[in-house]
Structure formats: C-alpha cells, structure tokens
C-alpha atoms as a PDB file:
ATOM      1  CA  MET A   1       8.488   1.889  19.000  1.00  0.00           C
ATOM      2  CA  LYS A   2       8.075   5.179  17.122  1.00  0.00           C
ATOM      3  CA  ILE A   3       8.018   5.431  13.345  1.00  0.00           C
ATOM      4  CA  THR A   4       8.668   8.726  11.527  1.00  0.00           C
ATOM      5  CA  LEU A   5       9.068   9.733   7.892  1.00  0.00           C
ATOM      6  CA  GLU A   6      12.271  11.644   7.193  1.00  0.00           C
ATOM      7  CA  PRO A   7      13.873  13.291   4.131  1.00  0.00           C
ATOM      8  CA  LEU A   8      16.738  11.432   2.448  1.00  0.00           C
ATOM      9  CA  GLU A   9      19.353  13.816   3.808  1.00  0.00           C
ATOM     10  CA  ALA A  10      18.262  13.099   7.381  1.00  0.00           C
ATOM     11  CA  VAL A  11      19.850   9.633   7.338  1.00  0.00           C
ATOM     12  CA  ARG A  12      23.472   8.554   6.910  1.00  0.00           C
ATOM     13  CA  PRO A  13      25.273   5.286   6.114  1.00  0.00           C
ATOM     14  CA  SER A  14      26.456   3.099   8.958  1.00  0.00           C
ATOM     15  CA  THR A  15      30.215   2.792   9.489  1.00  0.00           C
ATOM     16  CA  TYR A  16      29.895  -0.958  10.043  1.00  0.00           C
ATOM     17  CA  ASN A  17      28.086  -1.783   6.773  1.00  0.00           C
ATOM     18  CA  PRO A  18      29.949  -4.860   5.479  1.00  0.00           C
ATOM     19  CA  ARG A  19      28.646  -4.773   1.892  1.00  0.00           C
ATOM     20  CA  THR A  20      30.780  -3.521  -0.955  1.00  0.00           C
ATOM     21  CA  ALA A  21      29.052  -1.325  -3.524  1.00  0.00           C
ATOM     22  CA  ASP A  22      29.348  -3.164  -6.841  1.00  0.00           C
ATOM     23  CA  PRO A  23      29.063  -0.665  -9.746  1.00  0.00           C
ATOM     24  CA  ALA A  24      26.986  -3.001 -11.915  1.00  0.00           C
ATOM     25  CA  ARG A  25      24.571  -3.699  -9.055  1.00  0.00           C
ATOM     26  CA  LEU A  26      24.261   0.011  -8.288  1.00  0.00           C
ATOM     27  CA  ASP A  27      23.344   0.660 -11.917  1.00  0.00           C
ATOM     28  CA  LEU A  28      20.581  -1.957 -11.652  1.00  0.00           C
ATOM     29  CA  ILE A  29      19.305  -0.346  -8.454  1.00  0.00           C
ATOM     30  CA  GLU A  30      19.226   3.026 -10.190  1.00  0.00           C
ATOM     31  CA  LEU A  31      17.269   1.549 -13.092  1.00  0.00           C
ATOM     32  CA  SER A  32      14.790   0.071 -10.604  1.00  0.00           C
ATOM     33  CA  LEU A  33      14.392   3.354  -8.720  1.00  0.00           C
ATOM     34  CA  ARG A  34      13.850   5.298 -11.925  1.00  0.00           C
ATOM     35  CA  LYS A  35      11.299   2.811 -13.264  1.00  0.00           C
ATOM     36  CA  LEU A  36       9.512   1.723 -10.093  1.00  0.00           C
ATOM     37  CA  GLY A  37      10.454   4.151  -7.325  1.00  0.00           C
ATOM     38  CA  PHE A  38      11.059   2.936  -3.758  1.00  0.00           C
ATOM     39  CA  ILE A  39       9.369  -0.446  -3.385  1.00  0.00           C
ATOM     40  CA  ALA A  40      11.167  -0.968  -0.060  1.00  0.00           C
ATOM     41  CA  PRO A  41      11.949   1.966   2.277  1.00  0.00           C
ATOM     42  CA  ILE A  42      15.256   2.893   3.873  1.00  0.00           C
ATOM     43  CA  PHE A  43      15.203   2.106   7.604  1.00  0.00           C
ATOM     44  CA  ALA A  44      17.282   4.116  10.095  1.00  0.00           C
ATOM     45  CA  ASP A  45      17.511   4.370  13.870  1.00  0.00           C
ATOM     46  CA  VAL A  46      16.581   7.417  15.957  1.00  0.00           C
ATOM     47  CA  ASP A  47      20.020   8.935  15.308  1.00  0.00           C
ATOM     48  CA  GLY A  48      19.636   8.690  11.533  1.00  0.00           C
ATOM     49  CA  GLU A  49      22.055   5.779  11.100  1.00  0.00           C
ATOM     50  CA  ILE A  50      20.875   3.477   8.317  1.00  0.00           C
ATOM     51  CA  LEU A  51      19.912  -0.031   9.398  1.00  0.00           C
ATOM     52  CA  SER A  52      18.729  -1.296   6.013  1.00  0.00           C
ATOM     53  CA  GLY A  53      18.950   0.281   2.570  1.00  0.00           C
ATOM     54  CA  HIS A  54      22.548   1.506   2.244  1.00  0.00           C
ATOM     55  CA  GLN A  55      22.721   0.892  -1.500  1.00  0.00           C
ATOM     56  CA  ARG A  56      19.294   2.429  -2.129  1.00  0.00           C
ATOM     57  CA  HIS A  57      20.438   5.472  -0.137  1.00  0.00           C
ATOM     58  CA  LEU A  58      23.697   5.738  -2.115  1.00  0.00           C
ATOM     59  CA  VAL A  59      21.948   5.490  -5.471  1.00  0.00           C
ATOM     60  CA  ALA A  60      19.112   7.833  -4.508  1.00  0.00           C
ATOM     61  CA  SER A  61      21.641  10.403  -3.266  1.00  0.00           C
ATOM     62  CA  ARG A  62      23.665  10.346  -6.461  1.00  0.00           C
ATOM     63  CA  MET A  63      20.419  10.650  -8.447  1.00  0.00           C
ATOM     64  CA  GLY A  64      19.522  13.751  -6.453  1.00  0.00           C
ATOM     65  CA  ALA A  65      16.296  12.150  -5.227  1.00  0.00           C
ATOM     66  CA  LYS A  66      14.410  14.093  -2.566  1.00  0.00           C
ATOM     67  CA  ASP A  67      11.199  12.092  -2.312  1.00  0.00           C
ATOM     68  CA  TRP A  68       9.554   8.948  -3.630  1.00  0.00           C
ATOM     69  CA  THR A  69       7.855   9.058  -7.002  1.00  0.00           C
ATOM     70  CA  SER A  70       5.758   5.891  -6.760  1.00  0.00           C
ATOM     71  CA  ILE A  71       3.531   4.174  -4.209  1.00  0.00           C
ATOM     72  CA  PHE A  72       2.405   0.588  -4.771  1.00  0.00           C
ATOM     73  CA  ILE A  73      -0.673  -1.100  -3.303  1.00  0.00           C
ATOM     74  CA  ALA A  74      -0.675  -4.829  -4.016  1.00  0.00           C
ATOM     75  CA  SER A  75      -3.358  -7.365  -3.123  1.00  0.00           C
ATOM     76  CA  VAL A  76      -4.059  -5.873   0.310  1.00  0.00           C
ATOM     77  CA  LEU A  77      -7.279  -4.344  -1.038  1.00  0.00           C
ATOM     78  CA  ASN A  78      -8.656  -7.869  -1.506  1.00  0.00           C
ATOM     79  CA  SER A  79      -8.353  -8.426   2.242  1.00  0.00           C
ATOM     80  CA  VAL A  80     -10.183  -5.245   3.269  1.00  0.00           C
ATOM     81  CA  PRO A  81     -13.869  -6.224   3.284  1.00  0.00           C
ATOM     82  CA  PHE A  82     -15.426  -2.822   4.046  1.00  0.00           C
ATOM     83  CA  ARG A  83     -15.577   0.165   1.700  1.00  0.00           C
ATOM     84  CA  GLU A  84     -14.823   2.681   4.482  1.00  0.00           C
ATOM     85  CA  ASP A  85     -11.608   0.862   5.389  1.00  0.00           C
ATOM     86  CA  ARG A  86     -10.452   0.706   1.759  1.00  0.00           C
ATOM     87  CA  GLU A  87     -11.041   4.443   1.582  1.00  0.00           C
ATOM     88  CA  HIS A  88      -8.711   4.859   4.573  1.00  0.00           C
ATOM     89  CA  ILE A  89      -5.925   3.322   2.485  1.00  0.00           C
ATOM     90  CA  ALA A  90      -6.631   5.631  -0.452  1.00  0.00           C
ATOM     91  CA  VAL A  91      -6.625   8.688   1.856  1.00  0.00           C
ATOM     92  CA  LEU A  92      -3.275   7.747   3.411  1.00  0.00           C
ATOM     93  CA  CYS A  93      -1.675   7.194   0.011  1.00  0.00           C
ATOM     94  CA  ALA A  94      -2.968  10.518  -1.314  1.00  0.00           C
ATOM     95  CA  ALA A  95      -1.606  12.298   1.763  1.00  0.00           C
ATOM     96  CA  LEU A  96       1.851  10.815   1.115  1.00  0.00           C
ATOM     97  CA  CYS A  97       1.948  12.029  -2.478  1.00  0.00           C
ATOM     98  CA  ARG A  98       3.923  14.950  -3.814  1.00  0.00           C
ATOM     99  CA  PRO A  99       2.697  16.604  -7.051  1.00  0.00           C
ATOM    100  CA  PHE A 100       4.796  14.171  -9.125  1.00  0.00           C
ATOM    101  CA  THR A 101       3.991  10.981  -7.173  1.00  0.00           C
ATOM    102  CA  LYS A 102       1.908   8.240  -8.761  1.00  0.00           C
ATOM    103  CA  VAL A 103      -0.010   5.510  -6.954  1.00  0.00           C
ATOM    104  CA  TYR A 104      -0.254   2.072  -8.554  1.00  0.00           C
ATOM    105  CA  ALA A 105      -2.933  -0.248  -7.162  1.00  0.00           C
ATOM    106  CA  CYS A 106      -3.824  -3.825  -8.022  1.00  0.00           C
ATOM    107  CA  ALA A 107      -6.494  -6.209  -6.725  1.00  0.00           C
ATOM    108  CA  SER A 108      -8.333  -9.322  -7.913  1.00  0.00           C
ATOM    109  CA  SER A 109     -11.254  -8.578 -10.186  1.00  0.00           C
ATOM    110  CA  ALA A 110     -14.769  -9.950 -10.228  1.00  0.00           C
ATOM    111  CA  GLY A 111     -13.605 -12.124 -13.138  1.00  0.00           C
ATOM    112  CA  GLU A 112     -11.153 -14.049 -10.953  1.00  0.00           C
ATOM    113  CA  SER A 113     -11.999 -17.702 -10.307  1.00  0.00           C
ATOM    114  CA  GLY A 114     -12.407 -17.190  -6.548  1.00  0.00           C
ATOM    115  CA  TRP A 115     -15.424 -14.967  -7.178  1.00  0.00           C
ATOM    116  CA  ARG A 116     -16.761 -16.853 -10.192  1.00  0.00           C
ATOM    117  CA  GLN A 117     -16.738 -20.025  -8.089  1.00  0.00           C
ATOM    118  CA  VAL A 118     -19.264 -18.700  -5.566  1.00  0.00           C
ATOM    119  CA  ASN A 119     -21.452 -17.615  -8.478  1.00  0.00           C
ATOM    120  CA  GLY A 120     -21.406 -21.092 -10.007  1.00  0.00           C
ATOM    121  CA  LYS A 121     -19.306 -19.946 -12.973  1.00  0.00           C
ATOM    122  CA  ALA A 122     -16.009 -21.703 -12.160  1.00  0.00           C
ATOM    123  CA  PHE A 123     -15.411 -25.445 -11.940  1.00  0.00           C
ATOM    124  CA  MET A 124     -14.213 -27.076  -8.737  1.00  0.00           C
ATOM    125  CA  ASN A 125     -10.812 -28.710  -9.121  1.00  0.00           C
ATOM    126  CA  GLU A 126      -8.185 -30.328  -6.908  1.00  0.00           C
ATOM    127  CA  SER A 127      -6.609 -27.020  -5.918  1.00  0.00           C
ATOM    128  CA  ASN A 128      -9.808 -25.314  -4.761  1.00  0.00           C
ATOM    129  CA  ALA A 129     -11.981 -28.263  -3.720  1.00  0.00           C
ATOM    130  CA  GLY A 130     -11.175 -27.758  -0.036  1.00  0.00           C
ATOM    131  CA  ASN A 131     -11.999 -24.066  -0.080  1.00  0.00           C
ATOM    132  CA  ILE A 132     -15.773 -23.869   0.174  1.00  0.00           C
ATOM    133  CA  ALA A 133     -16.845 -20.229   0.057  1.00  0.00           C
ATOM    134  CA  PHE A 134     -20.082 -18.249   0.209  1.00  0.00           C
ATOM    135  CA  ARG A 135     -21.217 -14.852  -1.006  1.00  0.00           C
ATOM    136  CA  LEU A 136     -22.000 -12.102   1.485  1.00  0.00           C
ATOM    137  CA  ASP A 137     -24.621  -9.598   0.444  1.00  0.00           C
ATOM    138  CA  TYR A 138     -23.756  -6.376   2.300  1.00  0.00           C
ATOM    139  CA  GLU A 139     -21.934  -5.154  -0.848  1.00  0.00           C
ATOM    140  CA  PRO A 140     -21.082  -6.677  -4.258  1.00  0.00           C
ATOM    141  CA  GLY A 141     -18.051  -8.903  -4.722  1.00  0.00           C
ATOM    142  CA  ILE A 142     -17.698 -10.141  -1.130  1.00  0.00           C
ATOM    143  CA  ARG A 143     -17.108 -13.790  -0.234  1.00  0.00           C
ATOM    144  CA  ILE A 144     -16.166 -15.664   2.917  1.00  0.00           C
ATOM    145  CA  GLY A 145     -14.140 -18.893   2.934  1.00  0.00           C
ATOM    146  CA  ASP A 146     -11.214 -20.781   4.521  1.00  0.00           C
ATOM    147  CA  PHE A 147     -13.466 -22.279   7.171  1.00  0.00           C
ATOM    148  CA  GLN A 148     -10.987 -25.084   7.870  1.00  0.00           C
ATOM    149  CA  ASP A 149      -8.538 -22.663   9.499  1.00  0.00           C
ATOM    150  CA  LYS A 150      -9.781 -19.128  10.127  1.00  0.00           C
ATOM    151  CA  PRO A 151     -12.680 -17.617   8.169  1.00  0.00           C
ATOM    152  CA  LYS A 152     -11.437 -15.089   5.621  1.00  0.00           C
ATOM    153  CA  VAL A 153     -13.482 -12.398   3.913  1.00  0.00           C
ATOM    154  CA  GLN A 154     -12.317 -11.211   0.494  1.00  0.00           C
ATOM    155  CA  LYS A 155     -13.391  -8.428  -1.845  1.00  0.00           C
ATOM    156  CA  TYR A 156     -13.351  -8.767  -5.645  1.00  0.00           C
ATOM    157  CA  HIS A 157     -13.433  -5.476  -7.547  1.00  0.00           C
ATOM    158  CA  THR A 158     -14.814  -4.022 -10.737  1.00  0.00           C
ATOM    159  CA  GLU A 159     -13.255  -1.209 -12.762  1.00  0.00           C
ATOM    160  CA  ALA A 160     -16.039   1.137 -11.686  1.00  0.00           C
ATOM    161  CA  GLU A 161     -15.382   0.397  -7.999  1.00  0.00           C
ATOM    162  CA  PHE A 162     -11.685   1.202  -8.388  1.00  0.00           C
ATOM    163  CA  ARG A 163     -12.539   4.511 -10.078  1.00  0.00           C
ATOM    164  CA  ASP A 164     -14.990   5.356  -7.302  1.00  0.00           C
ATOM    165  CA  LEU A 165     -12.397   4.454  -4.649  1.00  0.00           C
ATOM    166  CA  PHE A 166      -9.496   6.542  -5.946  1.00  0.00           C
ATOM    167  CA  GLY A 167     -11.362   9.189  -7.951  1.00  0.00           C
ATOM    168  CA  PRO A 168     -12.124  11.506  -4.982  1.00  0.00           C
ATOM    169  CA  PHE A 169      -8.413  11.761  -4.126  1.00  0.00           C
ATOM    170  CA  PHE A 170      -6.670  12.057  -7.520  1.00  0.00           C
ATOM    171  CA  ARG A 171      -7.258  14.224 -10.579  1.00  0.00           C
ATOM    172  CA  THR A 172      -6.294  11.369 -12.905  1.00  0.00           C
ATOM    173  CA  VAL A 173      -7.278   7.740 -12.365  1.00  0.00           C
ATOM    174  CA  LYS A 174      -6.694   5.224 -15.157  1.00  0.00           C
ATOM    175  CA  VAL A 175      -8.202   1.779 -14.555  1.00  0.00           C
ATOM    176  CA  ARG A 176      -8.136  -1.442 -16.544  1.00  0.00           C
ATOM    177  CA  ASP A 177      -8.981  -5.107 -16.037  1.00  0.00           C
ATOM    178  CA  PHE A 178      -5.982  -7.210 -17.024  1.00  0.00           C
ATOM    179  CA  SER A 179      -5.595 -10.962 -16.479  1.00  0.00           C
ATOM    180  CA  ASN A 180      -8.347 -11.022 -13.815  1.00  0.00           C
ATOM    181  CA  ASN A 181      -6.763  -8.141 -11.915  1.00  0.00           C
ATOM    182  CA  ILE A 182      -8.016  -4.578 -11.652  1.00  0.00           C
ATOM    183  CA  ASN A 183      -5.123  -2.144 -12.063  1.00  0.00           C
ATOM    184  CA  ALA A 184      -5.241   1.582 -11.313  1.00  0.00           C
ATOM    185  CA  THR A 185      -2.686   4.301 -12.003  1.00  0.00           C
ATOM    186  CA  CYS A 186      -3.451   7.437  -9.993  1.00  0.00           C
ATOM    187  CA  ALA A 187      -1.740  10.792 -10.504  1.00  0.00           C
ATOM    188  CA  SER A 188      -2.000  14.402  -9.283  1.00  0.00           C
ATOM    189  CA  ALA A 189      -3.250  13.887  -5.745  1.00  0.00           C
ATOM    190  CA  LEU A 190      -5.961  16.302  -4.629  1.00  0.00           C
ATOM    191  CA  PRO A 191      -5.836  18.106  -1.255  1.00  0.00           C
ATOM    192  CA  VAL A 192      -6.816  15.632   1.443  1.00  0.00           C
ATOM    193  CA  ASP A 193      -9.716  16.258   3.801  1.00  0.00           C
ATOM    194  CA  MET A 194      -8.045  16.493   7.225  1.00  0.00           C
ATOM    195  CA  ASP A 195     -10.979  14.887   9.033  1.00  0.00           C
ATOM    196  CA  LYS A 196     -10.756  11.873   6.733  1.00  0.00           C
ATOM    197  CA  LEU A 197      -6.989  11.709   7.200  1.00  0.00           C
ATOM    198  CA  ARG A 198      -7.301  11.778  11.004  1.00  0.00           C
ATOM    199  CA  ALA A 199      -9.913   9.026  10.879  1.00  0.00           C
ATOM    200  CA  ALA A 200      -7.735   6.927   8.559  1.00  0.00           C
ATOM    201  CA  ILE A 201      -4.677   7.266  10.804  1.00  0.00           C
ATOM    202  CA  ALA A 202      -6.669   6.536  13.958  1.00  0.00           C
ATOM    203  CA  PHE A 203      -7.988   3.325  12.407  1.00  0.00           C
ATOM    204  CA  GLU A 204      -5.052   1.983  10.378  1.00  0.00           C
ATOM    205  CA  PHE A 205      -2.364   2.567  13.008  1.00  0.00           C
ATOM    206  CA  ASP A 206      -4.231   0.904  15.856  1.00  0.00           C
ATOM    207  CA  LEU A 207      -5.249  -2.347  14.203  1.00  0.00           C
ATOM    208  CA  PRO A 208      -5.234  -5.496  16.362  1.00  0.00           C
ATOM    209  CA  TYR A 209      -2.572  -8.192  16.172  1.00  0.00           C
ATOM    210  CA  PRO A 210      -3.573 -11.894  16.188  1.00  0.00           C
ATOM    211  CA  ASP A 211      -2.817 -12.123  19.926  1.00  0.00           C
ATOM    212  CA  GLY A 212      -5.344  -9.390  20.716  1.00  0.00           C
ATOM    213  CA  THR A 213      -2.873  -6.581  21.355  1.00  0.00           C
ATOM    214  CA  ARG A 214      -3.017  -3.449  19.219  1.00  0.00           C
ATOM    215  CA  MET A 215      -0.467  -1.474  17.196  1.00  0.00           C
ATOM    216  CA  ASN A 216      -0.672   1.664  19.378  1.00  0.00           C
ATOM    217  CA  LEU A 217       1.091   3.756  16.704  1.00  0.00           C
ATOM    218  CA  VAL A 218      -1.563   6.452  16.219  1.00  0.00           C
ATOM    219  CA  LYS A 219       0.385   9.205  18.028  1.00  0.00           C
ATOM    220  CA  SER A 220       3.582   8.434  16.085  1.00  0.00           C
ATOM    221  CA  ALA A 221       1.678   8.373  12.794  1.00  0.00           C
ATOM    222  CA  MET A 222      -0.122  11.647  13.564  1.00  0.00           C
ATOM    223  CA  ASP A 223       3.230  13.293  14.323  1.00  0.00           C
ATOM    224  CA  SER A 224       4.801  11.927  11.131  1.00  0.00           C
ATOM    225  CA  PHE A 225       1.976  13.046   8.864  1.00  0.00           C
ATOM    226  CA  SER A 226       1.848  16.437  10.587  1.00  0.00           C
ATOM    227  CA  LYS A 227       5.564  16.914   9.940  1.00  0.00           C
ATOM    228  CA  ARG A 228       5.334  15.814   6.333  1.00  0.00           C
ATOM    229  CA  LEU A 229       2.300  17.935   5.534  1.00  0.00           C
ATOM    230  CA  GLN A 230       3.468  20.846   7.746  1.00  0.00           C
ATOM    231  CA  ILE A 231       0.162  20.951   9.582  1.00  0.00           C
ATOM    232  CA  THR A 232      -1.128  19.938  13.013  1.00  0.00           C
ATOM    233  CA  LEU A 233      -3.382  16.902  12.975  1.00  0.00           C
END
C-alpha cells in the first residue's frame, strides 16, 4: 500500500457512484467545509478515481478550494506518553500547513478527573472504581492504568505545556483550558526543520500494529512530503 497527498484537481469522480447529489445536503457540506475544513479526506485509487468523498469533492471544486484550511488533532495527544513523540505530531502538522492553514488541537487537562484521581483529588465512583491508576514520575501529568486488560499510559496537559509544544512551529498559538480540556489554535506555521521532519516521518509511519508487524510506510510518506514541500527528504 502506498499513500500520497494529491491536489484536488488530481482526482475525479467515479462513474459508478450511486449517490444522488441533493442540493440541500450539498449546501450543508459547503457550510461544514467553510467552518471546519476537511475533517475527513477524499480517498482515490492510483488512477485518481475517487473511492470515498464524491460530495466533498464536488462541493470543494465549486468553492474553488485548492488546499485544506484546517487540521484537527483530537484526543490522540493524551495517548502519546513521551514529549519527543508529541513533538513529532506537531512537526508533521506544521509541515502540512499552507500560510492560511490553522491547526486545532485538544487534549485532556490536568484538571480532568482521571488525573485528579491519582492525586487523591477526585472521588472513586461506580464508573471509575475498576480503573486503578498510578502516577509515573518521568514527566508531569503521566499516569498508567487499565491493568485489567492492557496497561495504558496517558498524558494530562497544562496550558503551558501546549504552548511549549506548538510554539516552536507556529507564529501564533492561542491556548485555553475549557471544561477540563486544553484547546490550542495554531496559525502561521513556521518553516520546519528538515531533520526534525525526517525523524518524525521515520517514527510515525513505521509504528507497530498490535500483532507485532509494522506500518512500513516511511518511504511513501517521505515521497509524499517531498512532493508537497517541493524538496527532497
């Protein structure tokens, strides 16, 4: 399997697409794209024929869209227990940005009950009684739990940590703690250090699967980022 990033005009609708484009639905899709950008990508085969995303492609084409304007990082940062690996994610996102692209990131804060529990500041109840967890001390905000199934390490963030994570890669980073979640809005991506980008790709695109095999997508990812950035990685 080889994954590449392509411009919108490089893909075309499939002739067998059975869905009918409903005008009202297309208007809702356009509203979503204008407000949120591409939350889900358009998938196409090696010949450029769209496999998934016909309506997003139609709406984006009529809007004159050439690139995505938003990148979203949800709770994945809670499941990345090492600072260096979280930085890999920030580097990759910055490298994908155009001058107008914004990155929106969200992760559980140090005020969330999962972290307060291991500090003795949250009561045990029926929903969390089976999840005994412990603090790890190699960096702040790290706990390990879920011993009944497979041990899981989680990271709980502060506003300062989010600023430190994204600040080196964006000119503007706005951070706030809202409802026990740290939210960041990052704009105006700075030029990415190529050594850091290579290291991020080499790590993130060769992660292991549960069965012990690995992704083996580093070469494809290097080619895709080289094409997008018009450089040789």
